[in-house]
Amino acid sequence: CQRPSLAMQDWLTDSGSLTARLIAQSSGQF
């Protein structure tokens, strides 16, 4: 009941490159 949204949990627990994921999320506007 104290955890963030499932979408935020997905970002918090992803063990891949956050940089690569942010680049994709921003369509390269990073």
mmCIF file of all heavy atoms, coordinates in Angstrom:
data_MODEL
# 
_entry.id   MODEL 
# 
loop_
_atom_site.group_PDB 
_atom_site.id 
_atom_site.type_symbol 
_atom_site.label_atom_id 
_atom_site.label_alt_id 
_atom_site.label_comp_id 
_atom_site.label_asym_id 
_atom_site.label_entity_id 
_atom_site.label_seq_id 
_atom_site.pdbx_PDB_ins_code 
_atom_site.Cartn_x 
_atom_site.Cartn_y 
_atom_site.Cartn_z 
_atom_site.occupancy 
_atom_site.B_iso_or_equiv 
_atom_site.pdbx_formal_charge 
_atom_site.auth_seq_id 
_atom_site.auth_comp_id 
_atom_site.auth_asym_id 
_atom_site.auth_atom_id 
_atom_site.pdbx_PDB_model_num 
ATOM 1   N N   . CYS A 1 1  ? 0.812  -1.220 0.000   1.00 0.00 ? 1  CYS A N   1 
ATOM 2   C CA  . CYS A 1 1  ? 0.000  0.000  0.000   1.00 0.00 ? 1  CYS A CA  1 
ATOM 3   C C   . CYS A 1 1  ? 0.851  1.278  0.000   1.00 0.00 ? 1  CYS A C   1 
ATOM 4   O O   . CYS A 1 1  ? 0.339  2.365  -0.251  1.00 0.00 ? 1  CYS A O   1 
ATOM 5   C CB  . CYS A 1 1  ? -0.958 0.001  1.191   1.00 0.00 ? 1  CYS A CB  1 
ATOM 6   S SG  . CYS A 1 1  ? -0.126 0.033  2.792   1.00 0.00 ? 1  CYS A SG  1 
ATOM 7   N N   . GLN A 1 2  ? 2.156  1.149  0.257   1.00 0.00 ? 2  GLN A N   1 
ATOM 8   C CA  . GLN A 1 2  ? 3.038  2.314  0.282   1.00 0.00 ? 2  GLN A CA  1 
ATOM 9   C C   . GLN A 1 2  ? 3.946  2.388  -0.945  1.00 0.00 ? 2  GLN A C   1 
ATOM 10  O O   . GLN A 1 2  ? 4.749  3.309  -1.060  1.00 0.00 ? 2  GLN A O   1 
ATOM 11  C CB  . GLN A 1 2  ? 3.890  2.295  1.549   1.00 0.00 ? 2  GLN A CB  1 
ATOM 12  C CG  . GLN A 1 2  ? 3.071  2.465  2.798   1.00 0.00 ? 2  GLN A CG  1 
ATOM 13  C CD  . GLN A 1 2  ? 3.923  2.448  4.053   1.00 0.00 ? 2  GLN A CD  1 
ATOM 14  O OE1 . GLN A 1 2  ? 5.083  2.068  4.044   1.00 0.00 ? 2  GLN A OE1 1 
ATOM 15  N NE2 . GLN A 1 2  ? 3.327  2.871  5.152   1.00 0.00 ? 2  GLN A NE2 1 
ATOM 16  N N   . ARG A 1 3  ? 3.828  1.426  -1.825  1.00 0.00 ? 3  ARG A N   1 
ATOM 17  C CA  . ARG A 1 3  ? 4.672  1.409  -3.025  1.00 0.00 ? 3  ARG A CA  1 
ATOM 18  C C   . ARG A 1 3  ? 4.162  2.409  -4.054  1.00 0.00 ? 3  ARG A C   1 
ATOM 19  O O   . ARG A 1 3  ? 2.996  2.784  -4.042  1.00 0.00 ? 3  ARG A O   1 
ATOM 20  C CB  . ARG A 1 3  ? 4.683  0.004  -3.638  1.00 0.00 ? 3  ARG A CB  1 
ATOM 21  C CG  . ARG A 1 3  ? 5.382  -1.009 -2.767  1.00 0.00 ? 3  ARG A CG  1 
ATOM 22  C CD  . ARG A 1 3  ? 5.392  -2.368 -3.419  1.00 0.00 ? 3  ARG A CD  1 
ATOM 23  N NE  . ARG A 1 3  ? 5.869  -3.379 -2.470  1.00 0.00 ? 3  ARG A NE  1 
ATOM 24  C CZ  . ARG A 1 3  ? 5.833  -4.665 -2.702  1.00 0.00 ? 3  ARG A CZ  1 
ATOM 25  N NH1 . ARG A 1 3  ? 5.362  -5.146 -3.849  1.00 0.00 ? 3  ARG A NH1 1 
ATOM 26  N NH2 . ARG A 1 3  ? 6.276  -5.510 -1.780  1.00 0.00 ? 3  ARG A NH2 1 
ATOM 27  N N   . PRO A 1 4  ? 5.042  2.791  -4.980  1.00 0.00 ? 4  PRO A N   1 
ATOM 28  C CA  . PRO A 1 4  ? 4.603  3.704  -6.038  1.00 0.00 ? 4  PRO A CA  1 
ATOM 29  C C   . PRO A 1 4  ? 3.733  2.959  -7.058  1.00 0.00 ? 4  PRO A C   1 
ATOM 30  O O   . PRO A 1 4  ? 3.520  1.746  -6.945  1.00 0.00 ? 4  PRO A O   1 
ATOM 31  C CB  . PRO A 1 4  ? 5.923  4.155  -6.669  1.00 0.00 ? 4  PRO A CB  1 
ATOM 32  C CG  . PRO A 1 4  ? 6.841  2.999  -6.455  1.00 0.00 ? 4  PRO A CG  1 
ATOM 33  C CD  . PRO A 1 4  ? 6.447  2.431  -5.114  1.00 0.00 ? 4  PRO A CD  1 
ATOM 34  N N   . SER A 1 5  ? 3.303  3.675  -8.074  1.00 0.00 ? 5  SER A N   1 
ATOM 35  C CA  . SER A 1 5  ? 2.504  3.074  -9.149  1.00 0.00 ? 5  SER A CA  1 
ATOM 36  C C   . SER A 1 5  ? 3.288  1.931  -9.794  1.00 0.00 ? 5  SER A C   1 
ATOM 37  O O   . SER A 1 5  ? 4.515  1.874  -9.709  1.00 0.00 ? 5  SER A O   1 
ATOM 38  C CB  . SER A 1 5  ? 2.183  4.130  -10.206 1.00 0.00 ? 5  SER A CB  1 
ATOM 39  O OG  . SER A 1 5  ? 3.388  4.487  -10.894 1.00 0.00 ? 5  SER A OG  1 
ATOM 40  N N   . LEU A 1 6  ? 2.572  1.049  -10.455 1.00 0.00 ? 6  LEU A N   1 
ATOM 41  C CA  . LEU A 1 6  ? 3.232  -0.058 -11.155 1.00 0.00 ? 6  LEU A CA  1 
ATOM 42  C C   . LEU A 1 6  ? 4.188  0.466  -12.225 1.00 0.00 ? 6  LEU A C   1 
ATOM 43  O O   . LEU A 1 6  ? 5.263  -0.098 -12.431 1.00 0.00 ? 6  LEU A O   1 
ATOM 44  C CB  . LEU A 1 6  ? 2.200  -1.006 -11.766 1.00 0.00 ? 6  LEU A CB  1 
ATOM 45  C CG  . LEU A 1 6  ? 1.403  -1.830 -10.758 1.00 0.00 ? 6  LEU A CG  1 
ATOM 46  C CD1 . LEU A 1 6  ? 0.341  -2.664 -11.463 1.00 0.00 ? 6  LEU A CD1 1 
ATOM 47  C CD2 . LEU A 1 6  ? 2.313  -2.720 -9.925  1.00 0.00 ? 6  LEU A CD2 1 
ATOM 48  N N   . ALA A 1 7  ? 3.808  1.549  -12.895 1.00 0.00 ? 7  ALA A N   1 
ATOM 49  C CA  . ALA A 1 7  ? 4.688  2.132  -13.918 1.00 0.00 ? 7  ALA A CA  1 
ATOM 50  C C   . ALA A 1 7  ? 6.001  2.601  -13.288 1.00 0.00 ? 7  ALA A C   1 
ATOM 51  O O   . ALA A 1 7  ? 7.080  2.346  -13.821 1.00 0.00 ? 7  ALA A O   1 
ATOM 52  C CB  . ALA A 1 7  ? 3.986  3.287  -14.629 1.00 0.00 ? 7  ALA A CB  1 
ATOM 53  N N   . MET A 1 8  ? 5.919  3.252  -12.124 1.00 0.00 ? 8  MET A N   1 
ATOM 54  C CA  . MET A 1 8  ? 7.138  3.705  -11.449 1.00 0.00 ? 8  MET A CA  1 
ATOM 55  C C   . MET A 1 8  ? 7.929  2.515  -10.928 1.00 0.00 ? 8  MET A C   1 
ATOM 56  O O   . MET A 1 8  ? 9.164  2.506  -11.004 1.00 0.00 ? 8  MET A O   1 
ATOM 57  C CB  . MET A 1 8  ? 6.799  4.679  -10.314 1.00 0.00 ? 8  MET A CB  1 
ATOM 58  C CG  . MET A 1 8  ? 8.027  5.216  -9.581  1.00 0.00 ? 8  MET A CG  1 
ATOM 59  S SD  . MET A 1 8  ? 9.190  6.142  -10.637 1.00 0.00 ? 8  MET A SD  1 
ATOM 60  C CE  . MET A 1 8  ? 8.344  7.714  -10.748 1.00 0.00 ? 8  MET A CE  1 
ATOM 61  N N   . GLN A 1 9  ? 7.243  1.496  -10.418 1.00 0.00 ? 9  GLN A N   1 
ATOM 62  C CA  . GLN A 1 9  ? 7.948  0.298  -9.956  1.00 0.00 ? 9  GLN A CA  1 
ATOM 63  C C   . GLN A 1 9  ? 8.754  -0.320 -11.092 1.00 0.00 ? 9  GLN A C   1 
ATOM 64  O O   . GLN A 1 9  ? 9.871  -0.797 -10.880 1.00 0.00 ? 9  GLN A O   1 
ATOM 65  C CB  . GLN A 1 9  ? 6.958  -0.731 -9.395  1.00 0.00 ? 9  GLN A CB  1 
ATOM 66  C CG  . GLN A 1 9  ? 6.395  -0.357 -8.048  1.00 0.00 ? 9  GLN A CG  1 
ATOM 67  C CD  . GLN A 1 9  ? 5.454  -1.424 -7.523  1.00 0.00 ? 9  GLN A CD  1 
ATOM 68  O OE1 . GLN A 1 9  ? 5.793  -2.595 -7.494  1.00 0.00 ? 9  GLN A OE1 1 
ATOM 69  N NE2 . GLN A 1 9  ? 4.264  -1.007 -7.092  1.00 0.00 ? 9  GLN A NE2 1 
ATOM 70  N N   . ASP A 1 10 ? 8.192  -0.314 -12.285 1.00 0.00 ? 10 ASP A N   1 
ATOM 71  C CA  . ASP A 1 10 ? 8.894  -0.869 -13.447 1.00 0.00 ? 10 ASP A CA  1 
ATOM 72  C C   . ASP A 1 10 ? 10.207 -0.121 -13.690 1.00 0.00 ? 10 ASP A C   1 
ATOM 73  O O   . ASP A 1 10 ? 11.242 -0.730 -13.946 1.00 0.00 ? 10 ASP A O   1 
ATOM 74  C CB  . ASP A 1 10 ? 7.985  -0.802 -14.677 1.00 0.00 ? 10 ASP A CB  1 
ATOM 75  C CG  . ASP A 1 10 ? 8.647  -1.377 -15.901 1.00 0.00 ? 10 ASP A CG  1 
ATOM 76  O OD1 . ASP A 1 10 ? 9.040  -2.571 -15.878 1.00 0.00 ? 10 ASP A OD1 1 
ATOM 77  O OD2 . ASP A 1 10 ? 8.781  -0.645 -16.903 1.00 0.00 ? 10 ASP A OD2 1 
ATOM 78  N N   . TRP A 1 11 ? 10.187 1.198  -13.577 1.00 0.00 ? 11 TRP A N   1 
ATOM 79  C CA  . TRP A 1 11 ? 11.397 1.997  -13.764 1.00 0.00 ? 11 TRP A CA  1 
ATOM 80  C C   . TRP A 1 11 ? 12.379 1.793  -12.611 1.00 0.00 ? 11 TRP A C   1 
ATOM 81  O O   . TRP A 1 11 ? 13.587 1.733  -12.812 1.00 0.00 ? 11 TRP A O   1 
ATOM 82  C CB  . TRP A 1 11 ? 11.049 3.478  -13.920 1.00 0.00 ? 11 TRP A CB  1 
ATOM 83  C CG  . TRP A 1 11 ? 10.529 3.790  -15.285 1.00 0.00 ? 11 TRP A CG  1 
ATOM 84  C CD1 . TRP A 1 11 ? 9.245  3.643  -15.730 1.00 0.00 ? 11 TRP A CD1 1 
ATOM 85  C CD2 . TRP A 1 11 ? 11.278 4.260  -16.398 1.00 0.00 ? 11 TRP A CD2 1 
ATOM 86  N NE1 . TRP A 1 11 ? 9.164  4.011  -17.047 1.00 0.00 ? 11 TRP A NE1 1 
ATOM 87  C CE2 . TRP A 1 11 ? 10.387 4.398  -17.485 1.00 0.00 ? 11 TRP A CE2 1 
ATOM 88  C CE3 . TRP A 1 11 ? 12.618 4.588  -16.580 1.00 0.00 ? 11 TRP A CE3 1 
ATOM 89  C CZ2 . TRP A 1 11 ? 10.803 4.851  -18.736 1.00 0.00 ? 11 TRP A CZ2 1 
ATOM 90  C CZ3 . TRP A 1 11 ? 13.028 5.049  -17.834 1.00 0.00 ? 11 TRP A CZ3 1 
ATOM 91  C CH2 . TRP A 1 11 ? 12.128 5.170  -18.891 1.00 0.00 ? 11 TRP A CH2 1 
ATOM 92  N N   . LEU A 1 12 ? 11.868 1.702  -11.407 1.00 0.00 ? 12 LEU A N   1 
ATOM 93  C CA  . LEU A 1 12 ? 12.738 1.549  -10.238 1.00 0.00 ? 12 LEU A CA  1 
ATOM 94  C C   . LEU A 1 12 ? 13.486 0.217  -10.238 1.00 0.00 ? 12 LEU A C   1 
ATOM 95  O O   . LEU A 1 12 ? 14.628 0.147  -9.786  1.00 0.00 ? 12 LEU A O   1 
ATOM 96  C CB  . LEU A 1 12 ? 11.918 1.650  -8.940  1.00 0.00 ? 12 LEU A CB  1 
ATOM 97  C CG  . LEU A 1 12 ? 11.418 3.035  -8.553  1.00 0.00 ? 12 LEU A CG  1 
ATOM 98  C CD1 . LEU A 1 12 ? 10.372 2.926  -7.454  1.00 0.00 ? 12 LEU A CD1 1 
ATOM 99  C CD2 . LEU A 1 12 ? 12.572 3.930  -8.123  1.00 0.00 ? 12 LEU A CD2 1 
ATOM 100 N N   . THR A 1 13 ? 12.864 -0.815 -10.718 1.00 0.00 ? 13 THR A N   1 
ATOM 101 C CA  . THR A 1 13 ? 13.447 -2.155 -10.605 1.00 0.00 ? 13 THR A CA  1 
ATOM 102 C C   . THR A 1 13 ? 14.125 -2.641 -11.883 1.00 0.00 ? 13 THR A C   1 
ATOM 103 O O   . THR A 1 13 ? 14.707 -3.724 -11.890 1.00 0.00 ? 13 THR A O   1 
ATOM 104 C CB  . THR A 1 13 ? 12.377 -3.179 -10.187 1.00 0.00 ? 13 THR A CB  1 
ATOM 105 O OG1 . THR A 1 13 ? 11.327 -3.182 -11.173 1.00 0.00 ? 13 THR A OG1 1 
ATOM 106 C CG2 . THR A 1 13 ? 11.808 -2.845 -8.821  1.00 0.00 ? 13 THR A CG2 1 
ATOM 107 N N   . ASP A 1 14 ? 14.088 -1.861 -12.940 1.00 0.00 ? 14 ASP A N   1 
ATOM 108 C CA  . ASP A 1 14 ? 14.709 -2.271 -14.201 1.00 0.00 ? 14 ASP A CA  1 
ATOM 109 C C   . ASP A 1 14 ? 16.229 -2.309 -14.043 1.00 0.00 ? 14 ASP A C   1 
ATOM 110 O O   . ASP A 1 14 ? 16.847 -1.322 -13.666 1.00 0.00 ? 14 ASP A O   1 
ATOM 111 C CB  . ASP A 1 14 ? 14.327 -1.287 -15.304 1.00 0.00 ? 14 ASP A CB  1 
ATOM 112 C CG  . ASP A 1 14 ? 14.839 -1.688 -16.667 1.00 0.00 ? 14 ASP A CG  1 
ATOM 113 O OD1 . ASP A 1 14 ? 15.417 -2.791 -16.809 1.00 0.00 ? 14 ASP A OD1 1 
ATOM 114 O OD2 . ASP A 1 14 ? 14.670 -0.902 -17.610 1.00 0.00 ? 14 ASP A OD2 1 
ATOM 115 N N   . SER A 1 15 ? 16.828 -3.458 -14.327 1.00 0.00 ? 15 SER A N   1 
ATOM 116 C CA  . SER A 1 15 ? 18.282 -3.605 -14.132 1.00 0.00 ? 15 SER A CA  1 
ATOM 117 C C   . SER A 1 15 ? 19.089 -3.235 -15.372 1.00 0.00 ? 15 SER A C   1 
ATOM 118 O O   . SER A 1 15 ? 20.310 -3.294 -15.350 1.00 0.00 ? 15 SER A O   1 
ATOM 119 C CB  . SER A 1 15 ? 18.614 -5.036 -13.707 1.00 0.00 ? 15 SER A CB  1 
ATOM 120 O OG  . SER A 1 15 ? 18.232 -5.931 -14.734 1.00 0.00 ? 15 SER A OG  1 
ATOM 121 N N   . GLY A 1 16 ? 18.428 -2.819 -16.426 1.00 0.00 ? 16 GLY A N   1 
ATOM 122 C CA  . GLY A 1 16 ? 19.140 -2.389 -17.628 1.00 0.00 ? 16 GLY A CA  1 
ATOM 123 C C   . GLY A 1 16 ? 19.633 -0.954 -17.492 1.00 0.00 ? 16 GLY A C   1 
ATOM 124 O O   . GLY A 1 16 ? 19.592 -0.353 -16.418 1.00 0.00 ? 16 GLY A O   1 
ATOM 125 N N   . SER A 1 17 ? 20.075 -0.396 -18.586 1.00 0.00 ? 17 SER A N   1 
ATOM 126 C CA  . SER A 1 17 ? 20.611 0.963  -18.604 1.00 0.00 ? 17 SER A CA  1 
ATOM 127 C C   . SER A 1 17 ? 19.480 1.989  -18.528 1.00 0.00 ? 17 SER A C   1 
ATOM 128 O O   . SER A 1 17 ? 18.641 2.070  -19.436 1.00 0.00 ? 17 SER A O   1 
ATOM 129 C CB  . SER A 1 17 ? 21.412 1.186  -19.885 1.00 0.00 ? 17 SER A CB  1 
ATOM 130 O OG  . SER A 1 17 ? 21.717 2.559  -20.051 1.00 0.00 ? 17 SER A OG  1 
ATOM 131 N N   . LEU A 1 18 ? 19.468 2.768  -17.446 1.00 0.00 ? 18 LEU A N   1 
ATOM 132 C CA  . LEU A 1 18 ? 18.475 3.836  -17.320 1.00 0.00 ? 18 LEU A CA  1 
ATOM 133 C C   . LEU A 1 18 ? 18.697 4.870  -18.426 1.00 0.00 ? 18 LEU A C   1 
ATOM 134 O O   . LEU A 1 18 ? 17.742 5.367  -19.006 1.00 0.00 ? 18 LEU A O   1 
ATOM 135 C CB  . LEU A 1 18 ? 18.560 4.500  -15.942 1.00 0.00 ? 18 LEU A CB  1 
ATOM 136 C CG  . LEU A 1 18 ? 17.580 5.657  -15.717 1.00 0.00 ? 18 LEU A CG  1 
ATOM 137 C CD1 . LEU A 1 18 ? 16.132 5.173  -15.802 1.00 0.00 ? 18 LEU A CD1 1 
ATOM 138 C CD2 . LEU A 1 18 ? 17.842 6.330  -14.388 1.00 0.00 ? 18 LEU A CD2 1 
ATOM 139 N N   . THR A 1 19 ? 19.950 5.163  -18.743 1.00 0.00 ? 19 THR A N   1 
ATOM 140 C CA  . THR A 1 19 ? 20.253 6.125  -19.803 1.00 0.00 ? 19 THR A CA  1 
ATOM 141 C C   . THR A 1 19 ? 19.589 5.704  -21.108 1.00 0.00 ? 19 THR A C   1 
ATOM 142 O O   . THR A 1 19 ? 18.900 6.503  -21.750 1.00 0.00 ? 19 THR A O   1 
ATOM 143 C CB  . THR A 1 19 ? 21.779 6.252  -19.997 1.00 0.00 ? 19 THR A CB  1 
ATOM 144 O OG1 . THR A 1 19 ? 22.362 6.710  -18.773 1.00 0.00 ? 19 THR A OG1 1 
ATOM 145 C CG2 . THR A 1 19 ? 22.121 7.221  -21.110 1.00 0.00 ? 19 THR A CG2 1 
ATOM 146 N N   . ALA A 1 20 ? 19.785 4.457  -21.506 1.00 0.00 ? 20 ALA A N   1 
ATOM 147 C CA  . ALA A 1 20 ? 19.210 3.975  -22.765 1.00 0.00 ? 20 ALA A CA  1 
ATOM 148 C C   . ALA A 1 20 ? 17.687 4.060  -22.730 1.00 0.00 ? 20 ALA A C   1 
ATOM 149 O O   . ALA A 1 20 ? 17.045 4.448  -23.716 1.00 0.00 ? 20 ALA A O   1 
ATOM 150 C CB  . ALA A 1 20 ? 19.661 2.544  -23.037 1.00 0.00 ? 20 ALA A CB  1 
ATOM 151 N N   . ARG A 1 21 ? 17.118 3.720  -21.604 1.00 0.00 ? 21 ARG A N   1 
ATOM 152 C CA  . ARG A 1 21 ? 15.651 3.745  -21.493 1.00 0.00 ? 21 ARG A CA  1 
ATOM 153 C C   . ARG A 1 21 ? 15.117 5.183  -21.539 1.00 0.00 ? 21 ARG A C   1 
ATOM 154 O O   . ARG A 1 21 ? 14.073 5.441  -22.138 1.00 0.00 ? 21 ARG A O   1 
ATOM 155 C CB  . ARG A 1 21 ? 15.244 3.038  -20.205 1.00 0.00 ? 21 ARG A CB  1 
ATOM 156 C CG  . ARG A 1 21 ? 13.803 2.643  -20.208 1.00 0.00 ? 21 ARG A CG  1 
ATOM 157 C CD  . ARG A 1 21 ? 13.477 1.634  -19.148 1.00 0.00 ? 21 ARG A CD  1 
ATOM 158 N NE  . ARG A 1 21 ? 12.034 1.400  -19.180 1.00 0.00 ? 21 ARG A NE  1 
ATOM 159 C CZ  . ARG A 1 21 ? 11.352 0.890  -18.203 1.00 0.00 ? 21 ARG A CZ  1 
ATOM 160 N NH1 . ARG A 1 21 ? 11.953 0.496  -17.094 1.00 0.00 ? 21 ARG A NH1 1 
ATOM 161 N NH2 . ARG A 1 21 ? 10.039 0.735  -18.301 1.00 0.00 ? 21 ARG A NH2 1 
ATOM 162 N N   . LEU A 1 22 ? 15.826 6.128  -20.903 1.00 0.00 ? 22 LEU A N   1 
ATOM 163 C CA  . LEU A 1 22 ? 15.403 7.527  -20.942 1.00 0.00 ? 22 LEU A CA  1 
ATOM 164 C C   . LEU A 1 22 ? 15.539 8.104  -22.350 1.00 0.00 ? 22 LEU A C   1 
ATOM 165 O O   . LEU A 1 22 ? 14.692 8.894  -22.785 1.00 0.00 ? 22 LEU A O   1 
ATOM 166 C CB  . LEU A 1 22 ? 16.218 8.361  -19.949 1.00 0.00 ? 22 LEU A CB  1 
ATOM 167 C CG  . LEU A 1 22 ? 15.930 8.103  -18.470 1.00 0.00 ? 22 LEU A CG  1 
ATOM 168 C CD1 . LEU A 1 22 ? 16.940 8.848  -17.601 1.00 0.00 ? 22 LEU A CD1 1 
ATOM 169 C CD2 . LEU A 1 22 ? 14.507 8.486  -18.100 1.00 0.00 ? 22 LEU A CD2 1 
ATOM 170 N N   . ILE A 1 23 ? 16.592 7.706  -23.052 1.00 0.00 ? 23 ILE A N   1 
ATOM 171 C CA  . ILE A 1 23 ? 16.756 8.163  -24.443 1.00 0.00 ? 23 ILE A CA  1 
ATOM 172 C C   . ILE A 1 23 ? 15.573 7.686  -25.278 1.00 0.00 ? 23 ILE A C   1 
ATOM 173 O O   . ILE A 1 23 ? 14.995 8.441  -26.059 1.00 0.00 ? 23 ILE A O   1 
ATOM 174 C CB  . ILE A 1 23 ? 18.106 7.690  -25.012 1.00 0.00 ? 23 ILE A CB  1 
ATOM 175 C CG1 . ILE A 1 23 ? 19.253 8.448  -24.338 1.00 0.00 ? 23 ILE A CG1 1 
ATOM 176 C CG2 . ILE A 1 23 ? 18.158 7.867  -26.533 1.00 0.00 ? 23 ILE A CG2 1 
ATOM 177 C CD1 . ILE A 1 23 ? 20.645 7.895  -24.614 1.00 0.00 ? 23 ILE A CD1 1 
ATOM 178 N N   . ALA A 1 24 ? 15.193 6.425  -25.108 1.00 0.00 ? 24 ALA A N   1 
ATOM 179 C CA  . ALA A 1 24 ? 14.045 5.885  -25.850 1.00 0.00 ? 24 ALA A CA  1 
ATOM 180 C C   . ALA A 1 24 ? 12.751 6.597  -25.441 1.00 0.00 ? 24 ALA A C   1 
ATOM 181 O O   . ALA A 1 24 ? 11.936 6.965  -26.295 1.00 0.00 ? 24 ALA A O   1 
ATOM 182 C CB  . ALA A 1 24 ? 13.932 4.386  -25.616 1.00 0.00 ? 24 ALA A CB  1 
ATOM 183 N N   . GLN A 1 25 ? 12.553 6.818  -24.144 1.00 0.00 ? 25 GLN A N   1 
ATOM 184 C CA  . GLN A 1 25 ? 11.333 7.458  -23.641 1.00 0.00 ? 25 GLN A CA  1 
ATOM 185 C C   . GLN A 1 25 ? 11.191 8.879  -24.162 1.00 0.00 ? 25 GLN A C   1 
ATOM 186 O O   . GLN A 1 25 ? 10.085 9.364  -24.358 1.00 0.00 ? 25 GLN A O   1 
ATOM 187 C CB  . GLN A 1 25 ? 11.354 7.453  -22.106 1.00 0.00 ? 25 GLN A CB  1 
ATOM 188 C CG  . GLN A 1 25 ? 10.116 7.995  -21.444 1.00 0.00 ? 25 GLN A CG  1 
ATOM 189 C CD  . GLN A 1 25 ? 8.974  6.984  -21.387 1.00 0.00 ? 25 GLN A CD  1 
ATOM 190 O OE1 . GLN A 1 25 ? 9.112  5.840  -21.797 1.00 0.00 ? 25 GLN A OE1 1 
ATOM 191 N NE2 . GLN A 1 25 ? 7.838  7.410  -20.882 1.00 0.00 ? 25 GLN A NE2 1 
ATOM 192 N N   . SER A 1 26 ? 12.326 9.542  -24.393 1.00 0.00 ? 26 SER A N   1 
ATOM 193 C CA  . SER A 1 26 ? 12.299 10.941 -24.851 1.00 0.00 ? 26 SER A CA  1 
ATOM 194 C C   . SER A 1 26 ? 12.476 11.057 -26.360 1.00 0.00 ? 26 SER A C   1 
ATOM 195 O O   . SER A 1 26 ? 12.707 12.152 -26.865 1.00 0.00 ? 26 SER A O   1 
ATOM 196 C CB  . SER A 1 26 ? 13.391 11.743 -24.134 1.00 0.00 ? 26 SER A CB  1 
ATOM 197 O OG  . SER A 1 26 ? 14.680 11.283 -24.520 1.00 0.00 ? 26 SER A OG  1 
ATOM 198 N N   . SER A 1 27 ? 12.410 9.948  -27.071 1.00 0.00 ? 27 SER A N   1 
ATOM 199 C CA  . SER A 1 27 ? 12.627 9.928  -28.528 1.00 0.00 ? 27 SER A CA  1 
ATOM 200 C C   . SER A 1 27 ? 13.933 10.618 -28.906 1.00 0.00 ? 27 SER A C   1 
ATOM 201 O O   . SER A 1 27 ? 13.997 11.362 -29.877 1.00 0.00 ? 27 SER A O   1 
ATOM 202 C CB  . SER A 1 27 ? 11.445 10.571 -29.258 1.00 0.00 ? 27 SER A CB  1 
ATOM 203 O OG  . SER A 1 27 ? 10.252 9.895  -28.940 1.00 0.00 ? 27 SER A OG  1 
ATOM 204 N N   . GLY A 1 28 ? 14.962 10.384 -28.085 1.00 0.00 ? 28 GLY A N   1 
ATOM 205 C CA  . GLY A 1 28 ? 16.285 10.936 -28.362 1.00 0.00 ? 28 GLY A CA  1 
ATOM 206 C C   . GLY A 1 28 ? 16.499 12.353 -27.862 1.00 0.00 ? 28 GLY A C   1 
ATOM 207 O O   . GLY A 1 28 ? 17.588 12.897 -27.987 1.00 0.00 ? 28 GLY A O   1 
ATOM 208 N N   . GLN A 1 29 ? 15.471 12.965 -27.287 1.00 0.00 ? 29 GLN A N   1 
ATOM 209 C CA  . GLN A 1 29 ? 15.595 14.331 -26.756 1.00 0.00 ? 29 GLN A CA  1 
ATOM 210 C C   . GLN A 1 29 ? 16.112 14.254 -25.325 1.00 0.00 ? 29 GLN A C   1 
ATOM 211 O O   . GLN A 1 29 ? 15.399 14.532 -24.363 1.00 0.00 ? 29 GLN A O   1 
ATOM 212 C CB  . GLN A 1 29 ? 14.230 15.041 -26.814 1.00 0.00 ? 29 GLN A CB  1 
ATOM 213 C CG  . GLN A 1 29 ? 13.670 15.186 -28.204 1.00 0.00 ? 29 GLN A CG  1 
ATOM 214 C CD  . GLN A 1 29 ? 14.571 16.034 -29.083 1.00 0.00 ? 29 GLN A CD  1 
ATOM 215 O OE1 . GLN A 1 29 ? 14.917 17.161 -28.742 1.00 0.00 ? 29 GLN A OE1 1 
ATOM 216 N NE2 . GLN A 1 29 ? 14.977 15.490 -30.214 1.00 0.00 ? 29 GLN A NE2 1 
ATOM 217 N N   . PHE A 1 30 ? 17.380 13.864 -25.193 1.00 0.00 ? 30 PHE A N   1 
ATOM 218 C CA  . PHE A 1 30 ? 17.984 13.566 -23.897 1.00 0.00 ? 30 PHE A CA  1 
ATOM 219 C C   . PHE A 1 30 ? 19.278 14.341 -23.750 1.00 0.00 ? 30 PHE A C   1 
ATOM 220 O O   . PHE A 1 30 ? 20.044 14.479 -24.697 1.00 0.00 ? 30 PHE A O   1 
ATOM 221 C CB  . PHE A 1 30 ? 18.275 12.054 -23.828 1.00 0.00 ? 30 PHE A CB  1 
ATOM 222 C CG  . PHE A 1 30 ? 19.021 11.629 -22.599 1.00 0.00 ? 30 PHE A CG  1 
ATOM 223 C CD1 . PHE A 1 30 ? 18.352 11.392 -21.410 1.00 0.00 ? 30 PHE A CD1 1 
ATOM 224 C CD2 . PHE A 1 30 ? 20.402 11.454 -22.619 1.00 0.00 ? 30 PHE A CD2 1 
ATOM 225 C CE1 . PHE A 1 30 ? 19.028 10.996 -20.270 1.00 0.00 ? 30 PHE A CE1 1 
ATOM 226 C CE2 . PHE A 1 30 ? 21.096 11.060 -21.489 1.00 0.00 ? 30 PHE A CE2 1 
ATOM 227 C CZ  . PHE A 1 30 ? 20.400 10.826 -20.315 1.00 0.00 ? 30 PHE A CZ  1 
# 
